[in-house]
């Protein structure tokens, strides 16, 4: 699992944790089509995160390889 704010940083949408927090709490982020305002929301493999008209699928295997 990965937290929503960490995911936004890892994929390059948010430069900092603070920026991710503002996006999430500002109502700009959806997870699996539903508005999500919890920055510590745990994401699992296959979850869909939508922000600014773009949808990103959580791929935990790919994220591990990047680290």
Protein backbone atom coordinates (compact mmCIF):
# COMPACT_ATOMS: atom_id res chain seq x y z
CA UNK A 1 0.00 0.00 0.00
CA UNK A 2 0.97 3.63 -0.45
CA UNK A 3 -0.55 6.80 0.99
CA UNK A 4 -2.31 9.14 -1.41
CA UNK A 5 -0.05 12.12 -0.70
CA UNK A 6 3.07 9.98 -1.23
CA UNK A 7 1.67 8.66 -4.51
CA UNK A 8 1.10 12.19 -5.83
CA UNK A 9 4.72 13.06 -5.02
CA UNK A 10 6.14 9.89 -6.57
CA UNK A 11 4.33 10.35 -9.88
CA UNK A 12 5.46 13.98 -10.04
CA UNK A 13 2.08 15.69 -9.69
CA UNK A 14 3.03 17.32 -6.38
CA UNK A 15 6.52 18.64 -5.70
CA UNK A 16 6.12 18.49 -1.91
CA UNK A 17 3.95 16.86 0.70
CA UNK A 18 2.44 20.25 1.47
CA UNK A 19 1.43 20.75 -2.14
CA UNK A 20 -0.14 17.27 -2.20
CA UNK A 21 -2.05 18.07 0.99
CA UNK A 22 -3.47 21.27 -0.52
CA UNK A 23 -4.58 19.43 -3.67
CA UNK A 24 -6.22 16.64 -1.71
CA UNK A 25 -7.92 18.76 0.94
CA UNK A 26 -8.95 21.29 -1.71
CA UNK A 27 -11.16 18.68 -3.37
CA UNK A 28 -9.06 18.27 -6.50
CA UNK A 29 -8.44 14.51 -6.19
CA UNK A 30 -10.68 11.53 -6.83
CA UNK A 31 -9.88 7.91 -6.02
CA UNK A 32 -11.82 5.33 -8.01
CA UNK A 33 -14.22 8.06 -9.13
CA UNK A 34 -15.00 9.35 -5.64
CA UNK A 35 -13.82 12.64 -4.14
CA UNK A 36 -11.06 11.96 -1.59
CA UNK A 37 -9.98 14.52 1.01
CA UNK A 38 -7.89 12.25 3.26
CA UNK A 39 -4.21 12.65 2.41
CA UNK A 40 -3.30 9.49 4.32
CA UNK A 41 -5.81 7.39 2.33
CA UNK A 42 -4.18 4.02 1.67
CA UNK A 43 -4.05 3.12 -2.01
CA UNK A 44 -3.81 -0.44 -3.23
CA UNK A 45 -2.78 -2.05 -6.51
CA UNK A 46 -5.14 -1.02 -9.31
CA UNK A 47 -6.69 2.02 -7.62
CA UNK A 48 -7.38 4.90 -10.02
CA UNK A 49 -6.36 8.42 -8.95
CA UNK A 50 -7.79 11.31 -10.98
CA UNK A 51 -6.47 14.87 -10.81
CA UNK A 52 -6.69 17.73 -13.30
CA UNK A 53 -8.44 15.55 -15.87
CA UNK A 54 -5.73 12.88 -15.80
CA UNK A 55 -6.16 9.41 -14.35
CA UNK A 56 -3.26 7.43 -12.93
CA UNK A 57 -3.43 3.75 -12.01
CA UNK A 58 -1.59 2.62 -8.90
CA UNK A 59 1.07 0.07 -9.87
CA UNK A 60 2.92 -0.85 -6.69
CA UNK A 61 5.39 -3.06 -8.56
CA UNK A 62 6.47 -0.16 -10.77
CA UNK A 63 6.73 2.21 -7.79
CA UNK A 64 9.02 -0.24 -5.98
CA UNK A 65 11.30 -0.48 -9.02
CA UNK A 66 11.62 3.31 -9.16
CA UNK A 67 12.79 3.48 -5.54
